[in-house]
Amino acid sequence: MMKDQGGDSIINIASLASELGFPNNPAYIAAKGALKQLTKSLAVDLGQFGIRVNNIGPGYFKTDMNSASWNDPQRREDRSLLGRWGKPEDMSGAVIFLLLCQ
């Protein structure tokens, strides 16, 4: 369908986990690493049809999945340039940009 429309945009949400290893969650780390590489492969294969494929790899975000880290003051250590963990709405600008750029 995207080919017939003359192009479109696919945005995959990976994670900092696609770059770093974290303890006790090898399947998640492997899946995010694979998603990053899938994005690259699809970008090469689909670009000729005007289909843009991008990946967003957010860092530390407060989610249900990482609540143990958030609730532990030592693990919650701020490692971002913003001085805080991210919120889902922080990614909206990147998503909109990638959807609209041509």
PDB file of N, CA and C in Angstrom:
ATOM      1  N   MET A   1       0.829  -1.198   0.000  1.00  0.00           N
ATOM      2  CA  MET A   1       0.000   0.000   0.000  1.00  0.00           C
ATOM      3  C   MET A   1       0.869   1.257   0.000  1.00  0.00           C
ATOM      4  N   MET A   2       1.953   1.219   0.771  1.00  0.00           N
ATOM      5  CA  MET A   2       2.826   2.392   0.815  1.00  0.00           C
ATOM      6  C   MET A   2       3.475   2.651  -0.541  1.00  0.00           C
ATOM      7  N   LYS A   3       3.858   1.604  -1.244  1.00  0.00           N
ATOM      8  CA  LYS A   3       4.436   1.764  -2.584  1.00  0.00           C
ATOM      9  C   LYS A   3       3.425   2.406  -3.514  1.00  0.00           C
ATOM     10  N   ASP A   4       2.177   1.944  -3.463  1.00  0.00           N
ATOM     11  CA  ASP A   4       1.128   2.464  -4.342  1.00  0.00           C
ATOM     12  C   ASP A   4       0.834   3.931  -4.071  1.00  0.00           C
ATOM     13  N   GLN A   5       1.021   4.365  -2.824  1.00  0.00           N
ATOM     14  CA  GLN A   5       0.788   5.763  -2.452  1.00  0.00           C
ATOM     15  C   GLN A   5       1.952   6.660  -2.844  1.00  0.00           C
ATOM     16  N   GLY A   6       3.047   6.075  -3.271  1.00  0.00           N
ATOM     17  CA  GLY A   6       4.213   6.869  -3.639  1.00  0.00           C
ATOM     18  C   GLY A   6       5.115   7.170  -2.461  1.00  0.00           C
ATOM     19  N   GLY A   7       4.954   6.432  -1.391  1.00  0.00           N
ATOM     20  CA  GLY A   7       5.835   6.608  -0.241  1.00  0.00           C
ATOM     21  C   GLY A   7       5.069   6.867   1.034  1.00  0.00           C
ATOM     22  N   ASP A   8       5.787   6.817   2.110  1.00  0.00           N
ATOM     23  CA  ASP A   8       5.202   7.041   3.439  1.00  0.00           C
ATOM     24  C   ASP A   8       6.336   6.987   4.450  1.00  0.00           C
ATOM     25  N   SER A   9       5.987   6.846   5.698  1.00  0.00           N
ATOM     26  CA  SER A   9       6.994   6.841   6.756  1.00  0.00           C
ATOM     27  C   SER A   9       6.711   5.732   7.757  1.00  0.00           C
ATOM     28  N   ILE A  10       7.764   5.005   8.118  1.00  0.00           N
ATOM     29  CA  ILE A  10       7.702   4.002   9.178  1.00  0.00           C
ATOM     30  C   ILE A  10       8.641   4.475  10.270  1.00  0.00           C
ATOM     31  N   ILE A  11       8.145   4.514  11.495  1.00  0.00           N
ATOM     32  CA  ILE A  11       8.973   4.921  12.627  1.00  0.00           C
ATOM     33  C   ILE A  11       8.954   3.798  13.652  1.00  0.00           C
ATOM     34  N   ASN A  12      10.129   3.261  13.925  1.00  0.00           N
ATOM     35  CA  ASN A  12      10.269   2.238  14.950  1.00  0.00           C
ATOM     36  C   ASN A  12      10.800   2.880  16.224  1.00  0.00           C
ATOM     37  N   ILE A  13      10.289   2.450  17.353  1.00  0.00           N
ATOM     38  CA  ILE A  13      10.763   2.951  18.645  1.00  0.00           C
ATOM     39  C   ILE A  13      11.647   1.880  19.258  1.00  0.00           C
ATOM     40  N   ALA A  14      12.921   2.154  19.281  1.00  0.00           N
ATOM     41  CA  ALA A  14      13.873   1.210  19.883  1.00  0.00           C
ATOM     42  C   ALA A  14      14.093   1.632  21.328  1.00  0.00           C
ATOM     43  N   SER A  15      15.326   1.739  21.736  1.00  0.00           N
ATOM     44  CA  SER A  15      15.606   2.022  23.132  1.00  0.00           C
ATOM     45  C   SER A  15      17.097   2.239  23.289  1.00  0.00           C
ATOM     46  N   LEU A  16      17.464   2.816  24.392  1.00  0.00           N
ATOM     47  CA  LEU A  16      18.863   2.875  24.772  1.00  0.00           C
ATOM     48  C   LEU A  16      19.422   1.460  24.857  1.00  0.00           C
ATOM     49  N   ALA A  17      18.540   0.512  25.101  1.00  0.00           N
ATOM     50  CA  ALA A  17      18.928  -0.892  25.201  1.00  0.00           C
ATOM     51  C   ALA A  17      19.471  -1.438  23.884  1.00  0.00           C
ATOM     52  N   SER A  18      19.216  -0.763  22.765  1.00  0.00           N
ATOM     53  CA  SER A  18      19.786  -1.231  21.501  1.00  0.00           C
ATOM     54  C   SER A  18      21.266  -0.889  21.414  1.00  0.00           C
ATOM     55  N   GLU A  19      21.740  -0.055  22.320  1.00  0.00           N
ATOM     56  CA  GLU A  19      23.148   0.362  22.349  1.00  0.00           C
ATOM     57  C   GLU A  19      23.913  -0.196  23.542  1.00  0.00           C
ATOM     58  N   LEU A  20      23.226  -0.382  24.663  1.00  0.00           N
ATOM     59  CA  LEU A  20      23.868  -0.790  25.909  1.00  0.00           C
ATOM     60  C   LEU A  20      23.286  -2.104  26.411  1.00  0.00           C
ATOM     61  N   GLY A  21      24.046  -2.802  27.195  1.00  0.00           N
ATOM     62  CA  GLY A  21      23.515  -3.990  27.854  1.00  0.00           C
ATOM     63  C   GLY A  21      23.025  -3.641  29.245  1.00  0.00           C
ATOM     64  N   PHE A  22      21.944  -4.238  29.660  1.00  0.00           N
ATOM     65  CA  PHE A  22      21.407  -4.059  31.002  1.00  0.00           C
ATOM     66  C   PHE A  22      21.224  -5.438  31.617  1.00  0.00           C
ATOM     67  N   PRO A  23      21.349  -5.551  32.908  1.00  0.00           N
ATOM     68  CA  PRO A  23      21.255  -6.877  33.534  1.00  0.00           C
ATOM     69  C   PRO A  23      19.836  -7.445  33.533  1.00  0.00           C
ATOM     70  N   ASN A  24      19.771  -8.761  33.494  1.00  0.00           N
ATOM     71  CA  ASN A  24      18.545  -9.527  33.732  1.00  0.00           C
ATOM     72  C   ASN A  24      17.434  -9.348  32.708  1.00  0.00           C
ATOM     73  N   ASN A  25      17.748  -8.943  31.511  1.00  0.00           N
ATOM     74  CA  ASN A  25      16.705  -8.791  30.503  1.00  0.00           C
ATOM     75  C   ASN A  25      17.275  -9.019  29.097  1.00  0.00           C
ATOM     76  N   PRO A  26      17.935 -10.154  28.858  1.00  0.00           N
ATOM     77  CA  PRO A  26      18.598 -10.339  27.568  1.00  0.00           C
ATOM     78  C   PRO A  26      17.646 -10.370  26.370  1.00  0.00           C
ATOM     79  N   ALA A  27      16.440 -10.867  26.534  1.00  0.00           N
ATOM     80  CA  ALA A  27      15.510 -10.921  25.407  1.00  0.00           C
ATOM     81  C   ALA A  27      15.115  -9.513  24.959  1.00  0.00           C
ATOM     82  N   TYR A  28      14.879  -8.619  25.903  1.00  0.00           N
ATOM     83  CA  TYR A  28      14.524  -7.242  25.567  1.00  0.00           C
ATOM     84  C   TYR A  28      15.686  -6.559  24.846  1.00  0.00           C
ATOM     85  N   ILE A  29      16.899  -6.741  25.378  1.00  0.00           N
ATOM     86  CA  ILE A  29      18.076  -6.120  24.773  1.00  0.00           C
ATOM     87  C   ILE A  29      18.256  -6.642  23.343  1.00  0.00           C
ATOM     88  N   ALA A  30      18.125  -7.952  23.172  1.00  0.00           N
ATOM     89  CA  ALA A  30      18.272  -8.541  21.838  1.00  0.00           C
ATOM     90  C   ALA A  30      17.200  -8.017  20.884  1.00  0.00           C
ATOM     91  N   ALA A  31      15.972  -7.912  21.353  1.00  0.00           N
ATOM     92  CA  ALA A  31      14.876  -7.444  20.502  1.00  0.00           C
ATOM     93  C   ALA A  31      15.086  -5.993  20.062  1.00  0.00           C
ATOM     94  N   LYS A  32      15.529  -5.149  20.970  1.00  0.00           N
ATOM     95  CA  LYS A  32      15.748  -3.744  20.610  1.00  0.00           C
ATOM     96  C   LYS A  32      16.937  -3.590  19.673  1.00  0.00           C
ATOM     97  N   GLY A  33      17.982  -4.401  19.876  1.00  0.00           N
ATOM     98  CA  GLY A  33      19.105  -4.387  18.941  1.00  0.00           C
ATOM     99  C   GLY A  33      18.678  -4.851  17.554  1.00  0.00           C
ATOM    100  N   ALA A  34      17.855  -5.881  17.516  1.00  0.00           N
ATOM    101  CA  ALA A  34      17.350  -6.392  16.241  1.00  0.00           C
ATOM    102  C   ALA A  34      16.464  -5.356  15.547  1.00  0.00           C
ATOM    103  N   LEU A  35      15.650  -4.658  16.312  1.00  0.00           N
ATOM    104  CA  LEU A  35      14.785  -3.628  15.727  1.00  0.00           C
ATOM    105  C   LEU A  35      15.611  -2.513  15.098  1.00  0.00           C
ATOM    106  N   LYS A  36      16.694  -2.143  15.752  1.00  0.00           N
ATOM    107  CA  LYS A  36      17.570  -1.107  15.193  1.00  0.00           C
ATOM    108  C   LYS A  36      18.134  -1.559  13.847  1.00  0.00           C
ATOM    109  N   GLN A  37      18.588  -2.804  13.761  1.00  0.00           N
ATOM    110  CA  GLN A  37      19.140  -3.314  12.513  1.00  0.00           C
ATOM    111  C   GLN A  37      18.057  -3.525  11.454  1.00  0.00           C
ATOM    112  N   LEU A  38      16.865  -3.953  11.868  1.00  0.00           N
ATOM    113  CA  LEU A  38      15.749  -4.091  10.936  1.00  0.00           C
ATOM    114  C   LEU A  38      15.428  -2.735  10.305  1.00  0.00           C
ATOM    115  N   THR A  39      15.441  -1.699  11.115  1.00  0.00           N
ATOM    116  CA  THR A  39      15.175  -0.350  10.611  1.00  0.00           C
ATOM    117  C   THR A  39      16.172   0.026   9.523  1.00  0.00           C
ATOM    118  N   LYS A  40      17.443  -0.252   9.760  1.00  0.00           N
ATOM    119  CA  LYS A  40      18.468   0.061   8.762  1.00  0.00           C
ATOM    120  C   LYS A  40      18.232  -0.712   7.468  1.00  0.00           C
ATOM    121  N   SER A  41      17.929  -1.991   7.603  1.00  0.00           N
ATOM    122  CA  SER A  41      17.708  -2.834   6.434  1.00  0.00           C
ATOM    123  C   SER A  41      16.488  -2.382   5.638  1.00  0.00           C
ATOM    124  N   LEU A  42      15.398  -2.097   6.341  1.00  0.00           N
ATOM    125  CA  LEU A  42      14.191  -1.632   5.653  1.00  0.00           C
ATOM    126  C   LEU A  42      14.412  -0.276   4.990  1.00  0.00           C
ATOM    127  N   ALA A  43      15.191   0.592   5.608  1.00  0.00           N
ATOM    128  CA  ALA A  43      15.471   1.898   5.010  1.00  0.00           C
ATOM    129  C   ALA A  43      16.171   1.720   3.660  1.00  0.00           C
ATOM    130  N   VAL A  44      17.112   0.788   3.598  1.00  0.00           N
ATOM    131  CA  VAL A  44      17.818   0.512   2.344  1.00  0.00           C
ATOM    132  C   VAL A  44      16.869  -0.092   1.310  1.00  0.00           C
ATOM    133  N   ASP A  45      16.080  -1.055   1.723  1.00  0.00           N
ATOM    134  CA  ASP A  45      15.188  -1.750   0.790  1.00  0.00           C
ATOM    135  C   ASP A  45      14.020  -0.899   0.309  1.00  0.00           C
ATOM    136  N   LEU A  46      13.478  -0.070   1.168  1.00  0.00           N
ATOM    137  CA  LEU A  46      12.238   0.643   0.836  1.00  0.00           C
ATOM    138  C   LEU A  46      12.448   2.088   0.380  1.00  0.00           C
ATOM    139  N   GLY A  47      13.632   2.623   0.594  1.00  0.00           N
ATOM    140  CA  GLY A  47      13.895   4.008   0.212  1.00  0.00           C
ATOM    141  C   GLY A  47      13.632   4.285  -1.252  1.00  0.00           C
ATOM    142  N   GLN A  48      13.936   3.324  -2.103  1.00  0.00           N
ATOM    143  CA  GLN A  48      13.734   3.499  -3.546  1.00  0.00           C
ATOM    144  C   GLN A  48      12.263   3.702  -3.913  1.00  0.00           C
ATOM    145  N   PHE A  49      11.370   3.350  -2.998  1.00  0.00           N
ATOM    146  CA  PHE A  49       9.938   3.519  -3.232  1.00  0.00           C
ATOM    147  C   PHE A  49       9.379   4.755  -2.517  1.00  0.00           C
ATOM    148  N   GLY A  50      10.275   5.569  -1.980  1.00  0.00           N
ATOM    149  CA  GLY A  50       9.843   6.772  -1.260  1.00  0.00           C
ATOM    150  C   GLY A  50       9.338   6.481   0.139  1.00  0.00           C
ATOM    151  N   ILE A  51       9.641   5.314   0.649  1.00  0.00           N
ATOM    152  CA  ILE A  51       9.224   4.947   2.006  1.00  0.00           C
ATOM    153  C   ILE A  51      10.406   5.194   2.937  1.00  0.00           C
ATOM    154  N   ARG A  52      10.223   6.120   3.851  1.00  0.00           N
ATOM    155  CA  ARG A  52      11.271   6.460   4.809  1.00  0.00           C
ATOM    156  C   ARG A  52      11.112   5.583   6.043  1.00  0.00           C
ATOM    157  N   VAL A  53      12.199   4.992   6.493  1.00  0.00           N
ATOM    158  CA  VAL A  53      12.170   4.134   7.677  1.00  0.00           C
ATOM    159  C   VAL A  53      13.202   4.676   8.663  1.00  0.00           C
ATOM    160  N   ASN A  54      12.718   5.083   9.823  1.00  0.00           N
ATOM    161  CA  ASN A  54      13.579   5.666  10.846  1.00  0.00           C
ATOM    162  C   ASN A  54      13.361   4.979  12.185  1.00  0.00           C
ATOM    163  N   ASN A  55      14.296   5.222  13.045  1.00  0.00           N
ATOM    164  CA  ASN A  55      14.294   4.638  14.374  1.00  0.00           C
ATOM    165  C   ASN A  55      14.491   5.757  15.395  1.00  0.00           C
ATOM    166  N   ILE A  56      13.736   5.735  16.449  1.00  0.00           N
ATOM    167  CA  ILE A  56      13.961   6.638  17.573  1.00  0.00           C
ATOM    168  C   ILE A  56      14.412   5.769  18.734  1.00  0.00           C
ATOM    169  N   GLY A  57      15.536   6.137  19.333  1.00  0.00           N
ATOM    170  CA  GLY A  57      16.089   5.362  20.439  1.00  0.00           C
ATOM    171  C   GLY A  57      16.146   6.190  21.697  1.00  0.00           C
ATOM    172  N   PRO A  58      15.031   6.308  22.404  1.00  0.00           N
ATOM    173  CA  PRO A  58      15.026   7.156  23.602  1.00  0.00           C
ATOM    174  C   PRO A  58      15.899   6.587  24.709  1.00  0.00           C
ATOM    175  N   GLY A  59      16.335   7.469  25.558  1.00  0.00           N
ATOM    176  CA  GLY A  59      17.138   7.078  26.713  1.00  0.00           C
ATOM    177  C   GLY A  59      16.259   6.715  27.887  1.00  0.00           C
ATOM    178  N   TYR A  60      16.543   7.277  29.016  1.00  0.00           N
ATOM    179  CA  TYR A  60      15.831   6.931  30.249  1.00  0.00           C
ATOM    180  C   TYR A  60      14.473   7.622  30.291  1.00  0.00           C
ATOM    181  N   PHE A  61      13.425   6.813  30.249  1.00  0.00           N
ATOM    182  CA  PHE A  61      12.053   7.303  30.307  1.00  0.00           C
ATOM    183  C   PHE A  61      11.348   6.623  31.468  1.00  0.00           C
ATOM    184  N   LYS A  62      10.521   7.368  32.142  1.00  0.00           N
ATOM    185  CA  LYS A  62       9.753   6.802  33.256  1.00  0.00           C
ATOM    186  C   LYS A  62       8.568   6.030  32.681  1.00  0.00           C
ATOM    187  N   THR A  63       8.632   4.703  32.804  1.00  0.00           N
ATOM    188  CA  THR A  63       7.563   3.829  32.320  1.00  0.00           C
ATOM    189  C   THR A  63       7.289   2.763  33.368  1.00  0.00           C
ATOM    190  N   ASP A  64       6.217   2.028  33.183  1.00  0.00           N
ATOM    191  CA  ASP A  64       5.916   0.922  34.093  1.00  0.00           C
ATOM    192  C   ASP A  64       7.035  -0.117  34.087  1.00  0.00           C
ATOM    193  N   MET A  65       7.632  -0.340  32.911  1.00  0.00           N
ATOM    194  CA  MET A  65       8.643  -1.381  32.797  1.00  0.00           C
ATOM    195  C   MET A  65       9.886  -1.097  33.647  1.00  0.00           C
ATOM    196  N   ASN A  66      10.253   0.175  33.776  1.00  0.00           N
ATOM    197  CA  ASN A  66      11.456   0.476  34.547  1.00  0.00           C
ATOM    198  C   ASN A  66      11.152   1.120  35.899  1.00  0.00           C
ATOM    199  N   SER A  67      10.005   0.807  36.454  1.00  0.00           N
ATOM    200  CA  SER A  67       9.630   1.394  37.746  1.00  0.00           C
ATOM    201  C   SER A  67      10.600   1.004  38.860  1.00  0.00           C
ATOM    202  N   ALA A  68      11.208  -0.191  38.784  1.00  0.00           N
ATOM    203  CA  ALA A  68      12.171  -0.582  39.812  1.00  0.00           C
ATOM    204  C   ALA A  68      13.371   0.364  39.799  1.00  0.00           C
ATOM    205  N   SER A  69      13.849   0.721  38.626  1.00  0.00           N
ATOM    206  CA  SER A  69      14.960   1.679  38.530  1.00  0.00           C
ATOM    207  C   SER A  69      14.533   3.061  39.011  1.00  0.00           C
ATOM    208  N   TRP A  70      13.332   3.468  38.627  1.00  0.00           N
ATOM    209  CA  TRP A  70      12.828   4.785  39.023  1.00  0.00           C
ATOM    210  C   TRP A  70      12.698   4.886  40.540  1.00  0.00           C
ATOM    211  N   ASN A  71      12.257   3.822  41.174  1.00  0.00           N
ATOM    212  CA  ASN A  71      12.018   3.840  42.617  1.00  0.00           C
ATOM    213  C   ASN A  71      13.279   3.631  43.453  1.00  0.00           C
ATOM    214  N   ASP A  72      14.385   3.267  42.850  1.00  0.00           N
ATOM    215  CA  ASP A  72      15.652   3.072  43.553  1.00  0.00           C
ATOM    216  C   ASP A  72      16.525   4.315  43.341  1.00  0.00           C
ATOM    217  N   PRO A  73      16.759   5.109  44.396  1.00  0.00           N
ATOM    218  CA  PRO A  73      17.516   6.364  44.226  1.00  0.00           C
ATOM    219  C   PRO A  73      18.889   6.188  43.572  1.00  0.00           C
ATOM    220  N   GLN A  74      19.566   5.077  43.830  1.00  0.00           N
ATOM    221  CA  GLN A  74      20.876   4.872  43.212  1.00  0.00           C
ATOM    222  C   GLN A  74      20.759   4.560  41.725  1.00  0.00           C
ATOM    223  N   ARG A  75      19.755   3.802  41.343  1.00  0.00           N
ATOM    224  CA  ARG A  75      19.572   3.453  39.933  1.00  0.00           C
ATOM    225  C   ARG A  75      18.875   4.569  39.162  1.00  0.00           C
ATOM    226  N   ARG A  76      18.232   5.459  39.878  1.00  0.00           N
ATOM    227  CA  ARG A  76      17.492   6.552  39.249  1.00  0.00           C
ATOM    228  C   ARG A  76      18.411   7.705  38.871  1.00  0.00           C
ATOM    229  N   GLU A  77      19.664   7.564  39.177  1.00  0.00           N
ATOM    230  CA  GLU A  77      20.638   8.612  38.902  1.00  0.00           C
ATOM    231  C   GLU A  77      20.396   9.220  37.527  1.00  0.00           C
ATOM    232  N   ASP A  78      20.373  10.535  37.491  1.00  0.00           N
ATOM    233  CA  ASP A  78      20.104  11.228  36.236  1.00  0.00           C
ATOM    234  C   ASP A  78      21.318  11.145  35.320  1.00  0.00           C
ATOM    235  N   ARG A  79      21.100  10.683  34.106  1.00  0.00           N
ATOM    236  CA  ARG A  79      22.183  10.566  33.134  1.00  0.00           C
ATOM    237  C   ARG A  79      21.870  11.333  31.852  1.00  0.00           C
ATOM    238  N   SER A  80      20.934  12.231  31.903  1.00  0.00           N
ATOM    239  CA  SER A  80      20.534  12.916  30.675  1.00  0.00           C
ATOM    240  C   SER A  80      21.015  14.351  30.654  1.00  0.00           C
ATOM    241  N   LEU A  81      21.077  14.899  29.462  1.00  0.00           N
ATOM    242  CA  LEU A  81      21.457  16.300  29.305  1.00  0.00           C
ATOM    243  C   LEU A  81      20.363  17.245  29.792  1.00  0.00           C
ATOM    244  N   LEU A  82      19.126  16.773  29.840  1.00  0.00           N
ATOM    245  CA  LEU A  82      18.020  17.602  30.306  1.00  0.00           C
ATOM    246  C   LEU A  82      17.949  17.677  31.823  1.00  0.00           C
ATOM    247  N   GLY A  83      18.669  16.788  32.497  1.00  0.00           N
ATOM    248  CA  GLY A  83      18.640  16.777  33.956  1.00  0.00           C
ATOM    249  C   GLY A  83      17.424  16.066  34.526  1.00  0.00           C
ATOM    250  N   ARG A  84      16.773  15.231  33.712  1.00  0.00           N
ATOM    251  CA  ARG A  84      15.599  14.490  34.174  1.00  0.00           C
ATOM    252  C   ARG A  84      15.363  13.316  33.244  1.00  0.00           C
ATOM    253  N   TRP A  85      14.592  12.342  33.737  1.00  0.00           N
ATOM    254  CA  TRP A  85      14.161  11.245  32.866  1.00  0.00           C
ATOM    255  C   TRP A  85      13.099  11.775  31.908  1.00  0.00           C
ATOM    256  N   GLY A  86      12.970  11.143  30.781  1.00  0.00           N
ATOM    257  CA  GLY A  86      12.014  11.581  29.786  1.00  0.00           C
ATOM    258  C   GLY A  86      10.584  11.172  30.098  1.00  0.00           C
ATOM    259  N   LYS A  87       9.677  11.855  29.397  1.00  0.00           N
ATOM    260  CA  LYS A  87       8.254  11.539  29.446  1.00  0.00           C
ATOM    261  C   LYS A  87       7.825  11.220  28.016  1.00  0.00           C
ATOM    262  N   PRO A  88       6.821  10.386  27.840  1.00  0.00           N
ATOM    263  CA  PRO A  88       6.413  10.015  26.471  1.00  0.00           C
ATOM    264  C   PRO A  88       6.193  11.218  25.552  1.00  0.00           C
ATOM    265  N   GLU A  89       5.637  12.281  26.056  1.00  0.00           N
ATOM    266  CA  GLU A  89       5.378  13.443  25.200  1.00  0.00           C
ATOM    267  C   GLU A  89       6.661  14.121  24.711  1.00  0.00           C
ATOM    268  N   ASP A  90       7.787  13.801  25.334  1.00  0.00           N
ATOM    269  CA  ASP A  90       9.060  14.358  24.875  1.00  0.00           C
ATOM    270  C   ASP A  90       9.433  13.856  23.484  1.00  0.00           C
ATOM    271  N   MET A  91       8.894  12.735  23.072  1.00  0.00           N
ATOM    272  CA  MET A  91       9.213  12.182  21.760  1.00  0.00           C
ATOM    273  C   MET A  91       8.302  12.696  20.655  1.00  0.00           C
ATOM    274  N   SER A  92       7.257  13.403  21.005  1.00  0.00           N
ATOM    275  CA  SER A  92       6.269  13.802  19.996  1.00  0.00           C
ATOM    276  C   SER A  92       6.870  14.666  18.901  1.00  0.00           C
ATOM    277  N   GLY A  93       7.757  15.573  19.237  1.00  0.00           N
ATOM    278  CA  GLY A  93       8.357  16.428  18.214  1.00  0.00           C
ATOM    279  C   GLY A  93       9.165  15.629  17.199  1.00  0.00           C
ATOM    280  N   ALA A  94       9.942  14.668  17.688  1.00  0.00           N
ATOM    281  CA  ALA A  94      10.738  13.826  16.778  1.00  0.00           C
ATOM    282  C   ALA A  94       9.830  13.000  15.878  1.00  0.00           C
ATOM    283  N   VAL A  95       8.766  12.463  16.448  1.00  0.00           N
ATOM    284  CA  VAL A  95       7.843  11.643  15.652  1.00  0.00           C
ATOM    285  C   VAL A  95       7.172  12.496  14.576  1.00  0.00           C
ATOM    286  N   ILE A  96       6.690  13.657  14.940  1.00  0.00           N
ATOM    287  CA  ILE A  96       6.025  14.535  13.966  1.00  0.00           C
ATOM    288  C   ILE A  96       7.000  14.938  12.857  1.00  0.00           C
ATOM    289  N   PHE A  97       8.226  15.297  13.248  1.00  0.00           N
ATOM    290  CA  PHE A  97       9.229  15.673  12.247  1.00  0.00           C
ATOM    291  C   PHE A  97       9.455  14.536  11.254  1.00  0.00           C
ATOM    292  N   LEU A  98       9.660  13.321  11.769  1.00  0.00           N
ATOM    293  CA  LEU A  98       9.929  12.193  10.890  1.00  0.00           C
ATOM    294  C   LEU A  98       8.726  11.846  10.014  1.00  0.00           C
ATOM    295  N   LEU A  99       7.525  12.049  10.525  1.00  0.00           N
ATOM    296  CA  LEU A  99       6.332  11.785   9.715  1.00  0.00           C
ATOM    297  C   LEU A  99       6.168  12.798   8.586  1.00  0.00           C
ATOM    298  N   LEU A 100       6.544  14.040   8.847  1.00  0.00           N
ATOM    299  CA  LEU A 100       6.274  15.102   7.883  1.00  0.00           C
ATOM    300  C   LEU A 100       7.418  15.402   6.921  1.00  0.00           C
ATOM    301  N   CYS A 101       8.659  15.035   7.282  1.00  0.00           N
ATOM    302  CA  CYS A 101       9.771  15.376   6.395  1.00  0.00           C
ATOM    303  C   CYS A 101       9.700  14.518   5.139  1.00  0.00           C
ATOM    304  N   GLN A 102      10.141  15.111   4.025  1.00  0.00           N
ATOM    305  CA  GLN A 102      10.090  14.367   2.758  1.00  0.00           C
ATOM    306  C   GLN A 102      11.349  14.540   2.002  1.00  0.00           C
TER     307      GLN A 102
END
